[in-house]
Amino acid sequence: MGPPAAVPLTRSRPTRNSIIQSAFGGYNSFLLSYGLRSHNMEDCEKGEKILDMLLEGEIETWEEEQREAQRYAEREAQRAAEAQQ
């Protein structure tokens, strides 16, 4: 049996910064998109809570993508092993 099939490329694990940059282009834009202002401490705290929820959801999605990539690699390795028999 040969080496296992390569796992399909997947994106990096999401971070607070990756969410802000990819979806909003920056922290101020992120806050403004929710009607919040960076000079208001209460708004910044609300923004942090929103960001925490977004990050949690993105990580859950990313983890499922990782599990699916692993299942895919296992299926491909099984197919390759069966083809060699």
PDB file of N, CA and C in Angstrom:
ATOM      1  N   MET A   1       0.856  -1.178   0.000  1.00  0.00           N
ATOM      2  CA  MET A   1       0.000   0.000   0.000  1.00  0.00           C
ATOM      3  C   MET A   1       0.897   1.235   0.000  1.00  0.00           C
ATOM      4  N   GLY A   2       0.578   2.205  -0.838  1.00  0.00           N
ATOM      5  CA  GLY A   2       1.360   3.428  -0.959  1.00  0.00           C
ATOM      6  C   GLY A   2       1.018   4.417   0.132  1.00  0.00           C
ATOM      7  N   PRO A   3       1.580   5.587   0.037  1.00  0.00           N
ATOM      8  CA  PRO A   3       1.303   6.618   1.047  1.00  0.00           C
ATOM      9  C   PRO A   3      -0.149   7.071   0.959  1.00  0.00           C
ATOM     10  N   PRO A   4      -0.694   7.551   2.065  1.00  0.00           N
ATOM     11  CA  PRO A   4      -2.081   8.010   2.031  1.00  0.00           C
ATOM     12  C   PRO A   4      -2.220   9.200   1.090  1.00  0.00           C
ATOM     13  N   ALA A   5      -3.407   9.324   0.530  1.00  0.00           N
ATOM     14  CA  ALA A   5      -3.684  10.445  -0.367  1.00  0.00           C
ATOM     15  C   ALA A   5      -3.514  11.756   0.384  1.00  0.00           C
ATOM     16  N   ALA A   6      -3.095  12.765  -0.340  1.00  0.00           N
ATOM     17  CA  ALA A   6      -2.911  14.080   0.272  1.00  0.00           C
ATOM     18  C   ALA A   6      -4.255  14.637   0.714  1.00  0.00           C
ATOM     19  N   VAL A   7      -4.237  15.262   1.849  1.00  0.00           N
ATOM     20  CA  VAL A   7      -5.435  15.921   2.337  1.00  0.00           C
ATOM     21  C   VAL A   7      -5.659  17.166   1.485  1.00  0.00           C
ATOM     22  N   PRO A   8      -6.885  17.384   1.003  1.00  0.00           N
ATOM     23  CA  PRO A   8      -7.137  18.576   0.198  1.00  0.00           C
ATOM     24  C   PRO A   8      -6.764  19.840   0.976  1.00  0.00           C
ATOM     25  N   LEU A   9      -6.298  20.838   0.247  1.00  0.00           N
ATOM     26  CA  LEU A   9      -5.925  22.088   0.894  1.00  0.00           C
ATOM     27  C   LEU A   9      -7.130  22.689   1.602  1.00  0.00           C
ATOM     28  N   THR A  10      -6.909  23.118   2.803  1.00  0.00           N
ATOM     29  CA  THR A  10      -7.955  23.782   3.565  1.00  0.00           C
ATOM     30  C   THR A  10      -7.392  25.101   4.070  1.00  0.00           C
ATOM     31  N   ARG A  11      -8.274  25.966   4.432  1.00  0.00           N
ATOM     32  CA  ARG A  11      -7.842  27.278   4.906  1.00  0.00           C
ATOM     33  C   ARG A  11      -7.261  27.175   6.311  1.00  0.00           C
ATOM     34  N   SER A  12      -6.541  28.179   6.706  1.00  0.00           N
ATOM     35  CA  SER A  12      -5.943  28.225   8.040  1.00  0.00           C
ATOM     36  C   SER A  12      -7.027  28.374   9.104  1.00  0.00           C
ATOM     37  N   ARG A  13      -6.678  27.982  10.320  1.00  0.00           N
ATOM     38  CA  ARG A  13      -7.612  28.132  11.434  1.00  0.00           C
ATOM     39  C   ARG A  13      -7.952  29.611  11.604  1.00  0.00           C
ATOM     40  N   PRO A  14      -9.235  29.933  11.684  1.00  0.00           N
ATOM     41  CA  PRO A  14      -9.635  31.338  11.821  1.00  0.00           C
ATOM     42  C   PRO A  14      -9.109  31.971  13.113  1.00  0.00           C
ATOM     43  N   THR A  15      -8.800  33.248  13.007  1.00  0.00           N
ATOM     44  CA  THR A  15      -8.398  34.039  14.162  1.00  0.00           C
ATOM     45  C   THR A  15      -9.245  35.304  14.186  1.00  0.00           C
ATOM     46  N   ARG A  16      -9.175  36.009  15.281  1.00  0.00           N
ATOM     47  CA  ARG A  16      -9.907  37.277  15.372  1.00  0.00           C
ATOM     48  C   ARG A  16      -9.457  38.205  14.243  1.00  0.00           C
ATOM     49  N   ASN A  17      -8.152  38.279  14.048  1.00  0.00           N
ATOM     50  CA  ASN A  17      -7.619  39.168  13.028  1.00  0.00           C
ATOM     51  C   ASN A  17      -8.033  38.734  11.624  1.00  0.00           C
ATOM     52  N   SER A  18      -8.014  37.430  11.349  1.00  0.00           N
ATOM     53  CA  SER A  18      -8.384  36.972  10.003  1.00  0.00           C
ATOM     54  C   SER A  18      -9.839  37.291   9.690  1.00  0.00           C
ATOM     55  N   ILE A  19     -10.695  37.208  10.687  1.00  0.00           N
ATOM     56  CA  ILE A  19     -12.105  37.551  10.478  1.00  0.00           C
ATOM     57  C   ILE A  19     -12.236  39.044  10.184  1.00  0.00           C
ATOM     58  N   ILE A  20     -11.591  39.844  11.002  1.00  0.00           N
ATOM     59  CA  ILE A  20     -11.681  41.304  10.824  1.00  0.00           C
ATOM     60  C   ILE A  20     -11.152  41.702   9.455  1.00  0.00           C
ATOM     61  N   GLN A  21      -9.987  41.174   9.077  1.00  0.00           N
ATOM     62  CA  GLN A  21      -9.365  41.576   7.820  1.00  0.00           C
ATOM     63  C   GLN A  21     -10.126  41.058   6.608  1.00  0.00           C
ATOM     64  N   SER A  22     -10.519  39.787   6.626  1.00  0.00           N
ATOM     65  CA  SER A  22     -11.140  39.215   5.431  1.00  0.00           C
ATOM     66  C   SER A  22     -12.570  39.693   5.221  1.00  0.00           C
ATOM     67  N   ALA A  23     -13.298  39.866   6.287  1.00  0.00           N
ATOM     68  CA  ALA A  23     -14.709  40.223   6.150  1.00  0.00           C
ATOM     69  C   ALA A  23     -14.965  41.723   6.209  1.00  0.00           C
ATOM     70  N   PHE A  24     -14.093  42.453   6.886  1.00  0.00           N
ATOM     71  CA  PHE A  24     -14.380  43.868   7.124  1.00  0.00           C
ATOM     72  C   PHE A  24     -13.268  44.811   6.676  1.00  0.00           C
ATOM     73  N   GLY A  25     -12.066  44.315   6.472  1.00  0.00           N
ATOM     74  CA  GLY A  25     -10.965  45.149   6.039  1.00  0.00           C
ATOM     75  C   GLY A  25     -10.242  45.882   7.153  1.00  0.00           C
ATOM     76  N   GLY A  26     -10.748  45.836   8.349  1.00  0.00           N
ATOM     77  CA  GLY A  26     -10.099  46.490   9.479  1.00  0.00           C
ATOM     78  C   GLY A  26     -11.051  46.601  10.659  1.00  0.00           C
ATOM     79  N   TYR A  27     -10.478  46.908  11.810  1.00  0.00           N
ATOM     80  CA  TYR A  27     -11.266  46.943  13.042  1.00  0.00           C
ATOM     81  C   TYR A  27     -12.316  48.053  13.029  1.00  0.00           C
ATOM     82  N   ASN A  28     -11.942  49.241  12.562  1.00  0.00           N
ATOM     83  CA  ASN A  28     -12.923  50.324  12.532  1.00  0.00           C
ATOM     84  C   ASN A  28     -14.096  49.985  11.616  1.00  0.00           C
ATOM     85  N   SER A  29     -13.809  49.400  10.465  1.00  0.00           N
ATOM     86  CA  SER A  29     -14.887  48.992   9.554  1.00  0.00           C
ATOM     87  C   SER A  29     -15.771  47.929  10.191  1.00  0.00           C
ATOM     88  N   PHE A  30     -15.134  47.011  10.921  1.00  0.00           N
ATOM     89  CA  PHE A  30     -15.893  45.988  11.644  1.00  0.00           C
ATOM     90  C   PHE A  30     -16.869  46.646  12.618  1.00  0.00           C
ATOM     91  N   LEU A  31     -16.358  47.549  13.439  1.00  0.00           N
ATOM     92  CA  LEU A  31     -17.226  48.219  14.416  1.00  0.00           C
ATOM     93  C   LEU A  31     -18.327  49.013  13.717  1.00  0.00           C
ATOM     94  N   LEU A  32     -17.963  49.767  12.710  1.00  0.00           N
ATOM     95  CA  LEU A  32     -18.943  50.587  12.006  1.00  0.00           C
ATOM     96  C   LEU A  32     -20.034  49.746  11.350  1.00  0.00           C
ATOM     97  N   SER A  33     -19.682  48.559  10.884  1.00  0.00           N
ATOM     98  CA  SER A  33     -20.679  47.699  10.242  1.00  0.00           C
ATOM     99  C   SER A  33     -21.771  47.267  11.229  1.00  0.00           C
ATOM    100  N   TYR A  34     -21.463  47.332  12.514  1.00  0.00           N
ATOM    101  CA  TYR A  34     -22.447  47.021  13.552  1.00  0.00           C
ATOM    102  C   TYR A  34     -22.966  48.287  14.232  1.00  0.00           C
ATOM    103  N   GLY A  35     -22.678  49.429  13.644  1.00  0.00           N
ATOM    104  CA  GLY A  35     -23.146  50.693  14.209  1.00  0.00           C
ATOM    105  C   GLY A  35     -22.414  51.098  15.477  1.00  0.00           C
ATOM    106  N   LEU A  36     -21.188  50.614  15.638  1.00  0.00           N
ATOM    107  CA  LEU A  36     -20.396  50.899  16.830  1.00  0.00           C
ATOM    108  C   LEU A  36     -19.259  51.843  16.481  1.00  0.00           C
ATOM    109  N   ARG A  37     -18.756  52.548  17.488  1.00  0.00           N
ATOM    110  CA  ARG A  37     -17.676  53.520  17.290  1.00  0.00           C
ATOM    111  C   ARG A  37     -16.450  53.121  18.110  1.00  0.00           C
ATOM    112  N   SER A  38     -15.281  53.269  17.506  1.00  0.00           N
ATOM    113  CA  SER A  38     -14.053  52.851  18.184  1.00  0.00           C
ATOM    114  C   SER A  38     -13.678  53.776  19.339  1.00  0.00           C
ATOM    115  N   HIS A  39     -14.187  54.974  19.383  1.00  0.00           N
ATOM    116  CA  HIS A  39     -13.835  55.893  20.474  1.00  0.00           C
ATOM    117  C   HIS A  39     -14.739  55.720  21.699  1.00  0.00           C
ATOM    118  N   ASN A  40     -15.713  54.831  21.590  1.00  0.00           N
ATOM    119  CA  ASN A  40     -16.639  54.582  22.692  1.00  0.00           C
ATOM    120  C   ASN A  40     -16.297  53.225  23.305  1.00  0.00           C
ATOM    121  N   MET A  41     -15.850  53.209  24.570  1.00  0.00           N
ATOM    122  CA  MET A  41     -15.399  51.970  25.210  1.00  0.00           C
ATOM    123  C   MET A  41     -16.519  50.923  25.273  1.00  0.00           C
ATOM    124  N   GLU A  42     -17.740  51.328  25.533  1.00  0.00           N
ATOM    125  CA  GLU A  42     -18.854  50.375  25.575  1.00  0.00           C
ATOM    126  C   GLU A  42     -19.066  49.743  24.203  1.00  0.00           C
ATOM    127  N   ASP A  43     -18.948  50.550  23.159  1.00  0.00           N
ATOM    128  CA  ASP A  43     -19.076  50.005  21.807  1.00  0.00           C
ATOM    129  C   ASP A  43     -17.960  49.009  21.511  1.00  0.00           C
ATOM    130  N   CYS A  44     -16.747  49.323  21.950  1.00  0.00           N
ATOM    131  CA  CYS A  44     -15.631  48.401  21.743  1.00  0.00           C
ATOM    132  C   CYS A  44     -15.878  47.082  22.466  1.00  0.00           C
ATOM    133  N   GLU A  45     -16.420  47.147  23.666  1.00  0.00           N
ATOM    134  CA  GLU A  45     -16.734  45.924  24.408  1.00  0.00           C
ATOM    135  C   GLU A  45     -17.809  45.116  23.693  1.00  0.00           C
ATOM    136  N   LYS A  46     -18.818  45.796  23.153  1.00  0.00           N
ATOM    137  CA  LYS A  46     -19.858  45.105  22.379  1.00  0.00           C
ATOM    138  C   LYS A  46     -19.236  44.465  21.139  1.00  0.00           C
ATOM    139  N   GLY A  47     -18.349  45.204  20.498  1.00  0.00           N
ATOM    140  CA  GLY A  47     -17.669  44.675  19.319  1.00  0.00           C
ATOM    141  C   GLY A  47     -16.865  43.427  19.637  1.00  0.00           C
ATOM    142  N   GLU A  48     -16.199  43.423  20.773  1.00  0.00           N
ATOM    143  CA  GLU A  48     -15.420  42.245  21.179  1.00  0.00           C
ATOM    144  C   GLU A  48     -16.329  41.038  21.397  1.00  0.00           C
ATOM    145  N   LYS A  49     -17.498  41.256  21.971  1.00  0.00           N
ATOM    146  CA  LYS A  49     -18.445  40.148  22.168  1.00  0.00           C
ATOM    147  C   LYS A  49     -18.946  39.617  20.830  1.00  0.00           C
ATOM    148  N   ILE A  50     -19.240  40.529  19.919  1.00  0.00           N
ATOM    149  CA  ILE A  50     -19.670  40.115  18.580  1.00  0.00           C
ATOM    150  C   ILE A  50     -18.561  39.319  17.905  1.00  0.00           C
ATOM    151  N   LEU A  51     -17.349  39.824  17.996  1.00  0.00           N
ATOM    152  CA  LEU A  51     -16.210  39.149  17.385  1.00  0.00           C
ATOM    153  C   LEU A  51     -15.996  37.762  17.985  1.00  0.00           C
ATOM    154  N   ASP A  52     -16.172  37.636  19.292  1.00  0.00           N
ATOM    155  CA  ASP A  52     -16.054  36.322  19.937  1.00  0.00           C
ATOM    156  C   ASP A  52     -17.060  35.338  19.355  1.00  0.00           C
ATOM    157  N   MET A  53     -18.302  35.796  19.147  1.00  0.00           N
ATOM    158  CA  MET A  53     -19.336  34.919  18.584  1.00  0.00           C
ATOM    159  C   MET A  53     -19.009  34.553  17.138  1.00  0.00           C
ATOM    160  N   LEU A  54     -18.545  35.523  16.363  1.00  0.00           N
ATOM    161  CA  LEU A  54     -18.158  35.241  14.980  1.00  0.00           C
ATOM    162  C   LEU A  54     -17.020  34.237  14.934  1.00  0.00           C
ATOM    163  N   LEU A  55     -16.039  34.429  15.791  1.00  0.00           N
ATOM    164  CA  LEU A  55     -14.891  33.531  15.824  1.00  0.00           C
ATOM    165  C   LEU A  55     -15.314  32.120  16.210  1.00  0.00           C
ATOM    166  N   GLU A  56     -16.167  32.005  17.192  1.00  0.00           N
ATOM    167  CA  GLU A  56     -16.643  30.680  17.605  1.00  0.00           C
ATOM    168  C   GLU A  56     -17.305  29.956  16.437  1.00  0.00           C
ATOM    169  N   GLY A  57     -18.157  30.655  15.710  1.00  0.00           N
ATOM    170  CA  GLY A  57     -18.821  30.045  14.560  1.00  0.00           C
ATOM    171  C   GLY A  57     -17.842  29.670  13.463  1.00  0.00           C
ATOM    172  N   GLU A  58     -16.880  30.534  13.195  1.00  0.00           N
ATOM    173  CA  GLU A  58     -15.880  30.249  12.164  1.00  0.00           C
ATOM    174  C   GLU A  58     -15.007  29.064  12.547  1.00  0.00           C
ATOM    175  N   ILE A  59     -14.661  28.962  13.819  1.00  0.00           N
ATOM    176  CA  ILE A  59     -13.847  27.821  14.258  1.00  0.00           C
ATOM    177  C   ILE A  59     -14.637  26.528  14.139  1.00  0.00           C
ATOM    178  N   GLU A  60     -15.906  26.551  14.497  1.00  0.00           N
ATOM    179  CA  GLU A  60     -16.733  25.344  14.347  1.00  0.00           C
ATOM    180  C   GLU A  60     -16.786  24.906  12.893  1.00  0.00           C
ATOM    181  N   THR A  61     -16.974  25.862  11.988  1.00  0.00           N
ATOM    182  CA  THR A  61     -16.997  25.555  10.555  1.00  0.00           C
ATOM    183  C   THR A  61     -15.656  25.007  10.104  1.00  0.00           C
ATOM    184  N   TRP A  62     -14.561  25.637  10.540  1.00  0.00           N
ATOM    185  CA  TRP A  62     -13.220  25.199  10.182  1.00  0.00           C
ATOM    186  C   TRP A  62     -12.956  23.775  10.684  1.00  0.00           C
ATOM    187  N   GLU A  63     -13.367  23.493  11.921  1.00  0.00           N
ATOM    188  CA  GLU A  63     -13.151  22.150  12.471  1.00  0.00           C
ATOM    189  C   GLU A  63     -13.908  21.100  11.662  1.00  0.00           C
ATOM    190  N   GLU A  64     -15.115  21.426  11.229  1.00  0.00           N
ATOM    191  CA  GLU A  64     -15.871  20.490  10.396  1.00  0.00           C
ATOM    192  C   GLU A  64     -15.168  20.296   9.043  1.00  0.00           C
ATOM    193  N   GLU A  65     -14.631  21.358   8.489  1.00  0.00           N
ATOM    194  CA  GLU A  65     -13.871  21.247   7.240  1.00  0.00           C
ATOM    195  C   GLU A  65     -12.670  20.322   7.430  1.00  0.00           C
ATOM    196  N   GLN A  66     -12.002  20.430   8.571  1.00  0.00           N
ATOM    197  CA  GLN A  66     -10.851  19.573   8.847  1.00  0.00           C
ATOM    198  C   GLN A  66     -11.272  18.114   8.953  1.00  0.00           C
ATOM    199  N   ARG A  67     -12.386  17.877   9.641  1.00  0.00           N
ATOM    200  CA  ARG A  67     -12.879  16.493   9.756  1.00  0.00           C
ATOM    201  C   ARG A  67     -13.241  15.940   8.378  1.00  0.00           C
ATOM    202  N   GLU A  68     -13.889  16.753   7.559  1.00  0.00           N
ATOM    203  CA  GLU A  68     -14.264  16.308   6.217  1.00  0.00           C
ATOM    204  C   GLU A  68     -13.024  16.044   5.363  1.00  0.00           C
ATOM    205  N   ALA A  69     -12.014  16.887   5.478  1.00  0.00           N
ATOM    206  CA  ALA A  69     -10.774  16.674   4.734  1.00  0.00           C
ATOM    207  C   ALA A  69     -10.115  15.365   5.165  1.00  0.00           C
ATOM    208  N   GLN A  70     -10.159  15.068   6.443  1.00  0.00           N
ATOM    209  CA  GLN A  70      -9.578  13.816   6.930  1.00  0.00           C
ATOM    210  C   GLN A  70     -10.363  12.612   6.407  1.00  0.00           C
ATOM    211  N   ARG A  71     -11.698  12.716   6.429  1.00  0.00           N
ATOM    212  CA  ARG A  71     -12.522  11.624   5.900  1.00  0.00           C
ATOM    213  C   ARG A  71     -12.233  11.424   4.415  1.00  0.00           C
ATOM    214  N   TYR A  72     -12.089  12.516   3.681  1.00  0.00           N
ATOM    215  CA  TYR A  72     -11.778  12.441   2.261  1.00  0.00           C
ATOM    216  C   TYR A  72     -10.450  11.716   2.042  1.00  0.00           C
ATOM    217  N   ALA A  73      -9.440  12.095   2.793  1.00  0.00           N
ATOM    218  CA  ALA A  73      -8.118  11.476   2.665  1.00  0.00           C
ATOM    219  C   ALA A  73      -8.195   9.984   2.980  1.00  0.00           C
ATOM    220  N   GLU A  74      -8.957   9.633   3.990  1.00  0.00           N
ATOM    221  CA  GLU A  74      -9.103   8.221   4.348  1.00  0.00           C
ATOM    222  C   GLU A  74      -9.816   7.441   3.246  1.00  0.00           C
ATOM    223  N   ARG A  75     -10.857   8.043   2.657  1.00  0.00           N
ATOM    224  CA  ARG A  75     -11.568   7.374   1.561  1.00  0.00           C
ATOM    225  C   ARG A  75     -10.639   7.184   0.360  1.00  0.00           C
ATOM    226  N   GLU A  76      -9.865   8.214   0.039  1.00  0.00           N
ATOM    227  CA  GLU A  76      -8.943   8.125  -1.094  1.00  0.00           C
ATOM    228  C   GLU A  76      -7.870   7.072  -0.845  1.00  0.00           C
ATOM    229  N   ALA A  77      -7.373   7.003   0.370  1.00  0.00           N
ATOM    230  CA  ALA A  77      -6.365   5.992   0.707  1.00  0.00           C
ATOM    231  C   ALA A  77      -6.966   4.599   0.592  1.00  0.00           C
ATOM    232  N   GLN A  78      -8.192   4.428   1.000  1.00  0.00           N
ATOM    233  CA  GLN A  78      -8.873   3.145   0.903  1.00  0.00           C
ATOM    234  C   GLN A  78      -9.071   2.765  -0.565  1.00  0.00           C
ATOM    235  N   ARG A  79      -9.482   3.721  -1.376  1.00  0.00           N
ATOM    236  CA  ARG A  79      -9.657   3.458  -2.810  1.00  0.00           C
ATOM    237  C   ARG A  79      -8.336   3.059  -3.458  1.00  0.00           C
ATOM    238  N   ALA A  80      -7.272   3.747  -3.098  1.00  0.00           N
ATOM    239  CA  ALA A  80      -5.958   3.437  -3.656  1.00  0.00           C
ATOM    240  C   ALA A  80      -5.523   2.041  -3.244  1.00  0.00           C
ATOM    241  N   ALA A  81      -5.776   1.690  -1.982  1.00  0.00           N
ATOM    242  CA  ALA A  81      -5.397   0.351  -1.501  1.00  0.00           C
ATOM    243  C   ALA A  81      -6.196  -0.719  -2.220  1.00  0.00           C
ATOM    244  N   GLU A  82      -7.482  -0.465  -2.442  1.00  0.00           N
ATOM    245  CA  GLU A  82      -8.327  -1.442  -3.136  1.00  0.00           C
ATOM    246  C   GLU A  82      -7.899  -1.581  -4.596  1.00  0.00           C
ATOM    247  N   ALA A  83      -7.473  -0.489  -5.204  1.00  0.00           N
ATOM    248  CA  ALA A  83      -7.064  -0.532  -6.615  1.00  0.00           C
ATOM    249  C   ALA A  83      -5.762  -1.335  -6.795  1.00  0.00           C
ATOM    250  N   GLN A  84      -4.938  -1.371  -5.762  1.00  0.00           N
ATOM    251  CA  GLN A  84      -3.671  -2.102  -5.855  1.00  0.00           C
ATOM    252  C   GLN A  84      -3.852  -3.596  -5.629  1.00  0.00           C
ATOM    253  N   GLN A  85      -4.980  -3.995  -5.128  1.00  0.00           N
ATOM    254  CA  GLN A  85      -5.195  -5.417  -4.815  1.00  0.00           C
ATOM    255  C   GLN A  85      -5.555  -6.217  -6.047  1.00  0.00           C
TER     256      GLN A  85
END
